[in-house]
């Protein structure tokens, strides 16, 4: 990275340097504007939470009022002349009213906007993180936008990424292509246990080393032979899993026994 920066610093014209500087300045403006928008959206979200809580409480009060009215309607003390029956009805009315109040208290607590506010904070946190990532990416892309550099005789533009066999390659600003190997050749390994077993695969960890000193993956993979992968999956033979085990290059099972002709299901 330092060498590439040094090459660019030497080869850039004053005009190109100025354009890149302006591009990065625009990235800063965009970051600031987005930050202000995130603040406004957070404030609106919090306001909506408070409004929802207020509306919820109003609804619960109305519900309580209806409940209390129903109690009075079902316990008409004026129509009861018998003292014993009157006292019984009065106790029943009190019990009914207590139920209404208790139910209201429970439903009112459910109106709390804590969960809603927490969601607002989480959304703000997520948006802020994305804004920072976009800002960094924007700045990093400025030289690629301004400079017309290519690789392989103009086949790829600077900053352009492409797949080549099982590698992911990028055309750098210095005109050179840098590649890194995709561990699973641009495919996604199958890790669902049920799907693996139903297709006659072996759902297990992959290890390296010996029984005395063995290192295994945290994830489990679906080991396969040619015909033991589900539909739309292939039995991938060429893959690379990095494990901190300097003793052996071959893949083994959990007991350190070598796995011959190993393959994993991937799509």
Protein backbone atom coordinates (compact mmCIF):
# COMPACT_ATOMS: atom_id res chain seq x y z
CA UNK A 1 0.00 0.00 0.00
CA UNK A 2 2.87 2.42 0.86
CA UNK A 3 4.66 1.60 -2.40
CA UNK A 4 1.47 2.23 -4.43
CA UNK A 5 0.94 5.55 -2.63
CA UNK A 6 4.55 6.54 -3.30
CA UNK A 7 4.27 5.70 -7.00
CA UNK A 8 1.06 7.74 -7.25
CA UNK A 9 2.56 10.71 -5.39
CA UNK A 10 5.42 10.80 -7.84
CA UNK A 11 3.35 10.31 -11.00
CA UNK A 12 0.37 12.59 -10.24
CA UNK A 13 0.10 15.95 -11.99
CA UNK A 14 -0.90 19.06 -9.98
CA UNK A 15 -4.29 19.02 -11.75
CA UNK A 16 -4.91 15.39 -10.79
CA UNK A 17 -3.94 16.08 -7.18
CA UNK A 18 -6.40 18.98 -7.04
CA UNK A 19 -9.24 16.91 -8.51
CA UNK A 20 -8.62 14.12 -6.01
CA UNK A 21 -8.55 16.69 -3.18
CA UNK A 22 -11.90 18.12 -4.31
CA UNK A 23 -13.36 14.62 -4.61
CA UNK A 24 -12.37 13.82 -1.02
CA UNK A 25 -13.79 17.17 0.12
CA UNK A 26 -17.12 16.22 -1.47
CA UNK A 27 -16.95 12.94 0.45
CA UNK A 28 -16.65 14.95 3.68
CA UNK A 29 -19.65 17.11 2.77
CA UNK A 30 -21.68 14.00 2.00
CA UNK A 31 -20.69 12.47 5.33
CA UNK A 32 -21.74 15.62 7.24
CA UNK A 33 -25.07 15.87 5.39
CA UNK A 34 -25.81 12.20 6.02
CA UNK A 35 -24.91 12.63 9.70
CA UNK A 36 -27.43 15.48 10.01
CA UNK A 37 -30.07 13.37 8.27
CA UNK A 38 -29.42 10.50 10.70
CA UNK A 39 -29.92 12.93 13.62
CA UNK A 40 -33.24 14.13 12.18
CA UNK A 41 -34.43 10.58 11.55
CA UNK A 42 -33.49 9.58 15.11
CA UNK A 43 -35.38 12.58 16.53
CA UNK A 44 -38.43 11.71 14.41
CA UNK A 45 -38.21 8.09 15.52
CA UNK A 46 -38.14 9.10 19.20
CA UNK A 47 -41.10 11.45 18.68
CA UNK A 48 -43.06 8.64 17.04
CA UNK A 49 -42.28 6.41 20.04
CA UNK A 50 -43.64 9.02 22.46
CA UNK A 51 -46.74 9.52 20.30
CA UNK A 52 -47.35 5.78 20.18
CA UNK A 53 -47.04 5.59 23.96
CA UNK A 54 -49.49 8.48 24.45
CA UNK A 55 -51.98 6.93 22.04
CA UNK A 56 -51.60 3.56 23.72
CA UNK A 57 -52.31 5.05 27.16
CA UNK A 58 -55.39 6.86 25.84
CA UNK A 59 -56.67 3.57 24.43
CA UNK A 60 -56.06 1.78 27.75
CA UNK A 61 -57.86 4.53 29.68
CA UNK A 62 -60.84 4.21 27.35
CA UNK A 63 -60.74 0.45 27.85
CA UNK A 64 -60.63 0.91 31.64
CA UNK A 65 -63.53 3.36 31.55
CA UNK A 66 -65.59 0.89 29.54
CA UNK A 67 -64.67 -1.87 31.94
CA UNK A 68 -65.76 0.21 34.97
CA UNK A 69 -69.02 1.17 33.27
CA UNK A 70 -69.69 -2.48 32.59
CA UNK A 71 -69.10 -3.26 36.26
CA UNK A 72 -71.65 -0.68 37.31
CA UNK A 73 -74.11 -1.92 34.73
CA UNK A 74 -73.79 -5.50 35.97
CA UNK A 75 -73.94 -4.51 39.65
CA UNK A 76 -76.91 -2.16 40.06
CA UNK A 77 -76.96 -1.52 43.80
CA UNK A 78 -80.05 0.72 43.61
CA UNK A 79 -82.24 -2.17 42.49
CA UNK A 80 -81.24 -4.33 45.50
CA UNK A 81 -83.28 -3.91 48.68
CA UNK A 82 -82.06 -6.96 50.58
CA UNK A 83 -79.16 -5.91 52.79
CA UNK A 84 -77.37 -9.25 52.57
CA UNK A 85 -77.68 -9.33 48.81
CA UNK A 86 -76.66 -5.67 48.69
CA UNK A 87 -73.40 -6.33 50.57
CA UNK A 88 -72.65 -9.34 48.38
CA UNK A 89 -73.27 -7.30 45.24
CA UNK A 90 -71.15 -4.46 46.60
CA UNK A 91 -68.20 -6.80 47.22
CA UNK A 92 -68.58 -8.20 43.73
CA UNK A 93 -68.63 -4.67 42.29
CA UNK A 94 -65.47 -3.78 44.18
CA UNK A 95 -63.78 -6.92 42.91
CA UNK A 96 -64.84 -6.07 39.34
CA UNK A 97 -63.50 -2.53 39.65
CA UNK A 98 -60.21 -3.77 41.08
CA UNK A 99 -59.87 -6.11 38.13
CA UNK A 100 -60.39 -3.18 35.73
CA UNK A 101 -57.74 -1.10 37.50
CA UNK A 102 -55.30 -4.00 37.68
CA UNK A 103 -55.82 -4.78 34.02
CA UNK A 104 -55.27 -1.11 33.17
CA UNK A 105 -52.00 -0.99 35.11
CA UNK A 106 -50.74 -4.07 33.29
CA UNK A 107 -51.74 -2.77 29.86
CA UNK A 108 -50.30 0.67 30.65
CA UNK A 109 -46.91 -0.87 31.42
CA UNK A 110 -47.08 -2.57 28.02
CA UNK A 111 -47.33 0.93 26.51
CA UNK A 112 -43.73 1.62 27.50
CA UNK A 113 -41.67 3.02 24.63
CA UNK A 114 -38.40 1.50 25.89
CA UNK A 115 -38.35 -1.14 23.17
CA UNK A 116 -39.28 1.42 20.54
CA UNK A 117 -36.55 3.81 21.76
CA UNK A 118 -34.01 0.99 21.78
CA UNK A 119 -34.88 0.25 18.15
CA UNK A 120 -34.35 3.93 17.32
CA UNK A 121 -30.90 3.85 18.93
CA UNK A 122 -29.99 0.64 17.15
CA UNK A 123 -31.04 2.08 13.80
CA UNK A 124 -29.04 5.25 14.49
CA UNK A 125 -25.99 3.17 15.41
CA UNK A 126 -26.33 1.06 12.25
CA UNK A 127 -26.79 4.13 10.02
CA UNK A 128 -23.82 5.91 11.61
CA UNK A 129 -21.60 2.89 11.03
CA UNK A 130 -22.71 2.66 7.39
CA UNK A 131 -22.06 6.40 6.97
CA UNK A 132 -18.48 6.02 8.21
CA UNK A 133 -17.91 3.03 5.94
CA UNK A 134 -19.36 4.91 2.95
CA UNK A 135 -17.10 7.87 3.74
CA UNK A 136 -13.98 5.71 3.79
CA UNK A 137 -15.01 3.98 0.58
CA UNK A 138 -15.78 7.33 -1.05
CA UNK A 139 -12.32 8.67 -0.23
CA UNK A 140 -10.63 5.46 -1.33
CA UNK A 141 -12.46 5.57 -4.67
CA UNK A 142 -11.49 9.17 -5.48
CA UNK A 143 -8.18 8.31 -7.21
CA UNK A 144 -9.93 5.61 -9.24
CA UNK A 145 -12.62 8.08 -10.35
CA UNK A 146 -10.17 10.80 -11.31
CA UNK A 147 -7.28 8.86 -12.82
CA UNK A 148 -7.66 6.92 -16.02
CA UNK A 149 -5.38 4.00 -15.16
CA UNK A 150 -5.86 0.50 -16.54
CA UNK A 151 -4.42 -3.00 -16.28
CA UNK A 152 -3.65 -5.66 -18.89
CA UNK A 153 -3.59 -3.24 -21.83
CA UNK A 154 -6.84 -1.50 -20.97
CA UNK A 155 -8.83 -4.63 -20.25
CA UNK A 156 -9.58 -3.55 -16.66
CA UNK A 157 -9.95 -0.08 -15.18
CA UNK A 158 -8.17 0.90 -11.95
CA UNK A 159 -10.25 -0.17 -8.96
CA UNK A 160 -12.17 -2.77 -10.97
CA UNK A 161 -12.43 -6.23 -9.39
CA UNK A 162 -13.00 -9.45 -11.33
CA UNK A 163 -13.00 -13.19 -10.82
CA UNK A 164 -10.37 -15.38 -12.41
CA UNK A 165 -10.66 -19.13 -11.82
CA UNK A 166 -10.81 -19.42 -8.01
CA UNK A 167 -9.28 -16.01 -7.41
CA UNK A 168 -10.63 -12.51 -6.86
CA UNK A 169 -8.45 -9.93 -8.58
CA UNK A 170 -8.27 -6.13 -8.46
CA UNK A 171 -6.67 -3.71 -10.91
CA UNK A 172 -4.50 -1.33 -8.88
CA UNK A 173 -3.64 2.27 -9.65
CA UNK A 174 -0.07 1.28 -10.47
CA UNK A 175 -1.36 -0.81 -13.39
CA UNK A 176 -0.75 -4.14 -11.69
CA UNK A 177 -3.30 -6.83 -10.94
CA UNK A 178 -3.36 -8.21 -7.40
CA UNK A 179 -5.22 -11.48 -6.74
CA UNK A 180 -6.30 -13.39 -3.66
CA UNK A 181 -7.59 -16.97 -3.61
CA UNK A 182 -11.25 -17.51 -2.76
CA UNK A 183 -11.29 -20.25 -0.05
CA UNK A 184 -14.28 -22.00 -1.63
CA UNK A 185 -13.82 -20.89 -5.24
CA UNK A 186 -16.58 -18.22 -5.03
CA UNK A 187 -19.09 -20.79 -3.71
CA UNK A 188 -20.91 -20.96 -0.35
CA UNK A 189 -20.36 -24.13 1.70
CA UNK A 190 -23.39 -26.10 2.82
CA UNK A 191 -23.57 -26.06 6.64
CA UNK A 192 -27.17 -27.10 7.35
CA UNK A 193 -27.08 -30.45 9.15
CA UNK A 194 -30.48 -31.79 8.07
CA UNK A 195 -29.94 -31.01 4.39
CA UNK A 196 -26.48 -32.60 4.54
CA UNK A 197 -27.62 -35.83 6.22
CA UNK A 198 -30.63 -36.18 3.90
CA UNK A 199 -28.27 -36.12 0.93
CA UNK A 200 -26.04 -38.83 2.50
CA UNK A 201 -23.27 -36.38 3.39
CA UNK A 202 -21.23 -36.25 6.60
CA UNK A 203 -21.86 -33.18 8.74
CA UNK A 204 -18.67 -32.56 10.71
CA UNK A 205 -15.79 -30.25 11.53
CA UNK A 206 -12.62 -30.30 9.44
CA UNK A 207 -9.32 -30.60 11.26
CA UNK A 208 -5.56 -30.54 10.73
CA UNK A 209 -2.79 -31.95 12.87
CA UNK A 210 -2.38 -35.13 14.88
CA UNK A 211 -4.40 -36.58 17.70
CA UNK A 212 -1.91 -35.09 20.19
CA UNK A 213 -2.15 -31.60 18.70
CA UNK A 214 -5.17 -31.04 16.51
CA UNK A 215 -6.96 -27.90 15.33
CA UNK A 216 -10.52 -27.96 14.01
CA UNK A 217 -12.91 -25.47 12.44
CA UNK A 218 -15.64 -23.91 14.58
CA UNK A 219 -18.13 -24.46 11.75
CA UNK A 220 -19.30 -27.83 10.53
CA UNK A 221 -19.22 -28.66 6.81
CA UNK A 222 -20.96 -31.26 4.68
CA UNK A 223 -18.29 -33.73 3.54
CA UNK A 224 -19.22 -35.46 0.33
CA UNK A 225 -18.43 -37.96 -2.37
CA UNK A 226 -19.50 -37.36 -5.97
CA UNK A 227 -23.20 -38.18 -5.42
CA UNK A 228 -23.79 -37.07 -1.84
CA UNK A 229 -24.68 -33.40 -2.25
CA UNK A 230 -28.22 -31.98 -2.50
CA UNK A 231 -29.58 -30.47 -5.68
CA UNK A 232 -27.91 -27.23 -6.85
CA UNK A 233 -24.76 -28.12 -4.86
CA UNK A 234 -21.47 -29.47 -6.11
CA UNK A 235 -18.86 -31.63 -4.35
CA UNK A 236 -16.01 -29.13 -4.21
CA UNK A 237 -12.57 -30.76 -4.12
CA UNK A 238 -10.41 -27.62 -4.44
CA UNK A 239 -10.79 -25.48 -1.34
CA UNK A 240 -8.58 -24.00 1.36
CA UNK A 241 -9.29 -23.77 5.07
CA UNK A 242 -6.76 -21.92 7.21
CA UNK A 243 -6.11 -23.55 10.57
CA UNK A 244 -3.30 -22.77 13.07
CA UNK A 245 -1.71 -26.23 12.81
CA UNK A 246 1.86 -26.35 11.49
CA UNK A 247 2.19 -30.10 11.88
CA UNK A 248 0.14 -31.35 8.93
CA UNK A 249 -1.23 -30.00 5.67
CA UNK A 250 -3.72 -32.81 5.12
CA UNK A 251 -7.29 -32.53 6.42
CA UNK A 252 -8.33 -34.96 9.14
CA UNK A 253 -11.35 -35.96 11.20
CA UNK A 254 -11.75 -35.11 14.90
CA UNK A 255 -9.42 -37.97 15.86
CA UNK A 256 -6.63 -36.81 13.57
CA UNK A 257 -7.22 -39.54 10.96
CA UNK A 258 -6.60 -38.32 7.38
CA UNK A 259 -9.70 -37.85 5.25
CA UNK A 260 -9.02 -39.28 1.80
CA UNK A 261 -10.41 -37.65 -1.32
CA UNK A 262 -12.08 -34.94 0.77
CA UNK A 263 -14.79 -32.76 -0.73
CA UNK A 264 -17.41 -30.38 0.68
CA UNK A 265 -20.86 -29.56 -0.65
CA UNK A 266 -21.12 -25.97 -1.87
CA UNK A 267 -23.36 -23.90 -4.12
